[in-house]
Amino acid sequence: MGKRIIQQARGHGSLTYRVRKSAFRHKIKYPRKNIEGEAEIVKIFNSPGHSAPLMKIKISEEVFYSPAFKGAFEGQKIIIGGKKIEDGNILNLKEMPLGTKIYNIESRPGDGGKFIRTAGSSAIINKKSEKGIIVIMPSKKEKIINEKCRATVGTIAGHGQKEKPVIKAGKKYYIKKSKSKLWPRTSAVKMNVIDHPFGSGRGKRIKSKIAKRNSPPGKKVGLIRPRRTGRKKR
């Protein structure tokens, strides 16, 4: 008698394959649009749910969390709003000159920051046009963003932390477990036939398999079913 395969167990939604909520209790965001002025970095700490260290920032009565920038320290003063370009300051994109390094960029004005939030990363303001601000992302691709969106000046701290060798499998296990990532991952074709649709010693020449859109966990493996196939007739 076989056991539930990993795809079925993950689809069931047990605690083993569910994100640990306590690791993500600090939500990255910006203060409300009408709050501007001098803010203070109250604390810098490590969060298990994020690759970069986070900083706790207080302005008037509002407290929010943001990825720490390179060179940040506790008790440091930063400016929210205005036009002053210094590492850690939070400004609208339209107020920043070309060539400024930025991170934690909003996708829409007021959403709290969606782009560039991993350790050691930053984007560069390249051009300003009628459509918006053109930003060069770490992937070297250009992205047009609304000029009213906010971003933080500088580069995120923690560069190179993923380059450090893990050495032991046990340490890697706990790193993945803190974020509820599935590890180690076994190749499907190396499994027994009872454990995966791709398993068995026969037929190791892997063919593309397209599962039905409504297939249950355990059958939904391989490629995502396309909406249509074949050459499009005009």
Protein backbone atom coordinates (compact mmCIF):
# COMPACT_ATOMS: atom_id res chain seq x y z
CA MET A 1 0.00 0.00 0.00
CA GLY A 2 1.43 3.34 -1.02
CA LYS A 3 1.49 6.63 0.84
CA ARG A 4 0.20 10.02 -0.19
CA ILE A 5 2.65 11.54 -2.66
CA ILE A 6 4.17 14.94 -1.85
CA GLN A 7 1.91 16.78 -4.30
CA GLN A 8 -1.18 15.40 -2.55
CA ALA A 9 0.18 16.22 0.90
CA ARG A 10 0.96 19.79 -0.11
CA GLY A 11 -2.44 20.22 -1.72
CA HIS A 12 -4.12 19.03 1.48
CA GLY A 13 -2.69 22.10 3.24
CA SER A 14 -1.30 20.55 6.45
CA LEU A 15 0.98 22.47 8.82
CA THR A 16 4.02 20.70 7.36
CA TYR A 17 3.66 22.53 4.05
CA ARG A 18 2.10 25.76 5.30
CA VAL A 19 3.98 29.02 5.84
CA ARG A 20 4.89 29.66 9.48
CA LYS A 21 2.93 32.84 10.27
CA SER A 22 5.21 33.89 13.13
CA ALA A 23 8.10 34.29 10.65
CA PHE A 24 6.12 36.90 8.69
CA ARG A 25 4.58 38.91 11.53
CA HIS A 26 6.45 42.07 10.48
CA LYS A 27 4.79 43.55 7.39
CA ILE A 28 6.89 45.89 5.23
CA LYS A 29 5.08 49.16 4.45
CA TYR A 30 5.33 52.96 4.40
CA PRO A 31 3.45 55.43 6.64
CA ARG A 32 0.27 57.09 5.42
CA LYS A 33 0.64 59.61 2.57
CA ASN A 34 -0.18 62.62 4.75
CA ILE A 35 2.60 61.85 7.27
CA GLU A 36 5.90 63.57 6.44
CA GLY A 37 8.90 64.87 8.38
CA GLU A 38 11.77 63.48 10.45
CA ALA A 39 11.60 59.85 11.59
CA GLU A 40 13.87 57.78 13.84
CA ILE A 41 15.20 54.23 13.42
CA VAL A 42 14.20 52.68 16.73
CA LYS A 43 15.59 49.17 16.19
CA ILE A 44 17.38 47.00 13.59
CA PHE A 45 16.75 43.26 13.81
CA ASN A 46 16.77 40.03 11.80
CA SER A 47 13.48 38.56 10.59
CA PRO A 48 13.28 34.82 9.73
CA GLY A 49 10.80 35.58 6.95
CA HIS A 50 13.05 38.08 5.13
CA SER A 51 16.55 37.85 3.66
CA ALA A 52 17.47 41.41 4.71
CA PRO A 53 17.53 42.87 8.24
CA LEU A 54 14.49 45.01 9.05
CA MET A 55 14.38 48.38 10.75
CA LYS A 56 11.62 49.61 13.03
CA ILE A 57 10.90 53.27 12.23
CA LYS A 58 8.82 55.71 14.26
CA ILE A 59 7.39 59.02 13.01
CA SER A 60 5.04 60.94 15.33
CA GLU A 61 2.69 58.20 16.61
CA GLU A 62 3.03 55.79 13.67
CA VAL A 63 5.42 52.81 13.64
CA PHE A 64 6.29 50.84 10.48
CA TYR A 65 8.87 48.31 9.26
CA SER A 66 11.18 48.53 6.25
CA PRO A 67 14.31 46.69 4.96
CA ALA A 68 17.44 48.27 6.46
CA PHE A 69 19.73 50.18 4.10
CA LYS A 70 23.50 49.77 3.95
CA GLY A 71 25.06 51.85 6.75
CA ALA A 72 21.91 52.18 8.89
CA PHE A 73 22.21 52.32 12.69
CA GLU A 74 19.82 52.58 15.62
CA GLY A 75 18.91 56.13 16.60
CA GLN A 76 19.57 57.46 13.08
CA LYS A 77 17.25 60.18 11.75
CA ILE A 78 15.74 59.86 8.27
CA ILE A 79 13.43 62.17 6.29
CA ILE A 80 10.05 61.11 4.90
CA GLY A 81 8.89 63.36 2.08
CA GLY A 82 10.67 66.47 0.79
CA LYS A 83 13.54 66.48 -1.71
CA LYS A 84 16.68 65.68 0.35
CA ILE A 85 18.66 62.77 -1.20
CA GLU A 86 20.34 60.74 1.55
CA ASP A 87 20.47 56.99 2.21
CA GLY A 88 17.34 55.92 4.08
CA ASN A 89 15.14 58.88 3.09
CA ILE A 90 11.71 58.01 1.68
CA LEU A 91 10.62 60.21 -1.24
CA ASN A 92 8.36 60.29 -4.26
CA LEU A 93 10.11 59.10 -7.43
CA LYS A 94 9.53 62.44 -9.16
CA GLU A 95 11.69 64.18 -6.51
CA MET A 96 14.74 61.95 -7.13
CA PRO A 97 17.46 62.84 -9.66
CA LEU A 98 18.62 60.45 -12.38
CA GLY A 99 21.12 57.81 -11.27
CA THR A 100 19.75 57.54 -7.71
CA LYS A 101 19.89 54.04 -6.20
CA ILE A 102 16.56 53.07 -4.64
CA TYR A 103 14.74 50.08 -3.14
CA ASN A 104 11.32 49.05 -1.75
CA ILE A 105 9.53 50.75 -4.67
CA GLU A 106 5.75 51.06 -4.68
CA SER A 107 3.84 49.48 -7.56
CA ARG A 108 0.91 51.88 -7.07
CA PRO A 109 0.92 55.06 -4.98
CA GLY A 110 0.31 54.15 -1.33
CA ASP A 111 0.65 50.33 -1.52
CA GLY A 112 3.66 50.29 0.86
CA GLY A 113 6.38 48.98 -1.48
CA LYS A 114 6.41 45.87 -3.68
CA PHE A 115 9.67 45.87 -5.72
CA ILE A 116 13.32 45.39 -4.64
CA ARG A 117 13.13 44.04 -1.08
CA THR A 118 15.84 41.33 -0.98
CA ALA A 119 19.24 41.68 0.70
CA GLY A 120 21.90 43.60 -1.23
CA SER A 121 19.61 44.70 -4.08
CA SER A 122 18.79 48.12 -5.51
CA ALA A 123 17.37 49.72 -8.66
CA ILE A 124 18.52 52.85 -10.52
CA ILE A 125 16.41 55.74 -11.81
CA ASN A 126 17.25 55.94 -15.51
CA LYS A 127 14.82 58.33 -17.28
CA LYS A 128 11.81 60.54 -16.70
CA SER A 129 9.03 60.61 -19.28
CA GLU A 130 5.38 61.57 -19.65
CA LYS A 131 4.35 57.98 -18.92
CA GLY A 132 6.25 57.90 -15.62
CA ILE A 133 9.69 57.20 -14.14
CA ILE A 134 11.77 54.56 -15.96
CA VAL A 135 13.71 52.43 -13.47
CA ILE A 136 16.44 49.86 -14.26
CA MET A 137 15.77 46.76 -12.13
CA PRO A 138 18.52 44.38 -10.89
CA SER A 139 17.67 42.11 -13.86
CA LYS A 140 18.78 45.02 -16.16
CA LYS A 141 15.22 45.34 -17.49
CA GLU A 142 13.48 48.71 -17.56
CA LYS A 143 10.18 49.28 -15.75
CA ILE A 144 7.86 52.30 -15.97
CA ILE A 145 6.50 53.36 -12.56
CA ASN A 146 4.09 56.13 -11.55
CA GLU A 147 5.97 59.28 -10.48
CA LYS A 148 3.83 59.54 -7.31
CA CYS A 149 5.07 56.16 -6.03
CA ARG A 150 7.48 56.24 -3.09
CA ALA A 151 10.83 54.51 -2.67
CA THR A 152 13.74 54.47 -0.20
CA VAL A 153 17.11 55.93 -1.21
CA GLY A 154 20.09 53.57 -0.96
CA THR A 155 20.94 49.86 -1.20
CA ILE A 156 19.48 47.16 1.04
CA ALA A 157 21.85 45.80 3.69
CA GLY A 158 22.94 42.16 3.88
CA HIS A 159 24.71 41.85 0.52
CA GLY A 160 26.40 38.48 0.06
CA GLN A 161 24.58 36.70 2.87
CA LYS A 162 23.43 34.00 0.46
CA GLU A 163 26.98 33.50 -0.83
CA LYS A 164 28.12 32.14 2.52
CA PRO A 165 28.40 28.32 2.29
CA VAL A 166 25.94 26.38 4.42
CA ILE A 167 28.40 23.44 4.96
CA LYS A 168 25.94 21.15 6.79
CA ALA A 169 22.68 19.66 5.54
CA GLY A 170 21.14 20.13 9.00
CA LYS A 171 21.65 23.88 8.88
CA LYS A 172 20.11 24.04 5.40
CA TYR A 173 17.11 22.08 6.72
CA TYR A 174 16.42 24.65 9.47
CA ILE A 175 16.93 27.60 7.09
CA LYS A 176 14.25 26.16 4.78
CA LYS A 177 12.00 25.13 7.66
CA SER A 178 11.89 28.71 9.02
CA LYS A 179 10.14 29.76 5.79
CA SER A 180 8.20 26.50 5.30
CA LYS A 181 10.07 25.68 2.10
CA LEU A 182 10.07 22.08 0.85
CA TRP A 183 13.61 20.69 1.20
CA PRO A 184 15.30 18.44 0.18
CA ARG A 185 13.56 18.11 -3.18
CA THR A 186 13.81 14.80 -4.97
CA SER A 187 13.66 14.59 -8.76
CA ALA A 188 10.36 13.03 -9.85
CA VAL A 189 11.92 10.59 -12.34
CA LYS A 190 14.12 9.18 -9.56
CA MET A 191 11.07 8.17 -7.47
CA ASN A 192 9.25 4.86 -7.46
CA VAL A 193 6.22 4.54 -9.71
CA ILE A 194 3.90 4.52 -6.68
CA ASP A 195 5.27 7.84 -5.38
CA HIS A 196 4.91 10.04 -8.46
CA PRO A 197 3.32 10.00 -11.94
CA PHE A 198 6.81 10.41 -13.43
CA GLY A 199 8.35 7.64 -11.30
CA SER A 200 9.65 4.15 -12.28
CA GLY A 201 12.83 2.77 -13.74
CA ARG A 202 11.32 2.47 -17.20
CA GLY A 203 10.82 5.36 -19.57
CA LYS A 204 13.46 7.69 -18.21
CA ARG A 205 13.28 9.71 -21.41
CA ILE A 206 11.14 12.50 -19.99
CA LYS A 207 8.32 13.69 -22.21
CA SER A 208 6.37 16.87 -21.63
CA LYS A 209 3.18 16.14 -19.75
CA ILE A 210 0.23 18.53 -19.59
CA ALA A 211 -2.18 17.88 -16.73
CA LYS A 212 -5.82 18.95 -16.92
CA ARG A 213 -6.67 22.26 -15.27
CA ASN A 214 -9.15 20.65 -12.88
CA SER A 215 -6.97 17.64 -12.02
CA PRO A 216 -6.49 16.98 -8.27
CA PRO A 217 -3.19 17.37 -6.34
CA GLY A 218 -1.09 14.34 -7.22
CA LYS A 219 -2.13 14.36 -10.87
CA LYS A 220 -1.41 18.04 -11.46
CA VAL A 221 2.30 17.67 -12.25
CA GLY A 222 4.38 18.69 -15.23
CA LEU A 223 3.42 21.63 -17.42
CA ILE A 224 0.50 24.01 -16.82
CA ARG A 225 -2.30 23.36 -19.29
CA PRO A 226 -2.37 26.08 -21.99
CA ARG A 227 -5.62 27.80 -22.95
CA ARG A 228 -5.15 26.78 -26.54
CA THR A 229 -2.62 24.92 -28.70
CA GLY A 230 -1.61 24.92 -32.34
CA ARG A 231 -1.08 27.62 -34.88
CA LYS A 232 -3.44 30.56 -34.62
CA LYS A 233 -5.56 30.99 -37.75
CA ARG A 234 -6.12 34.51 -38.98
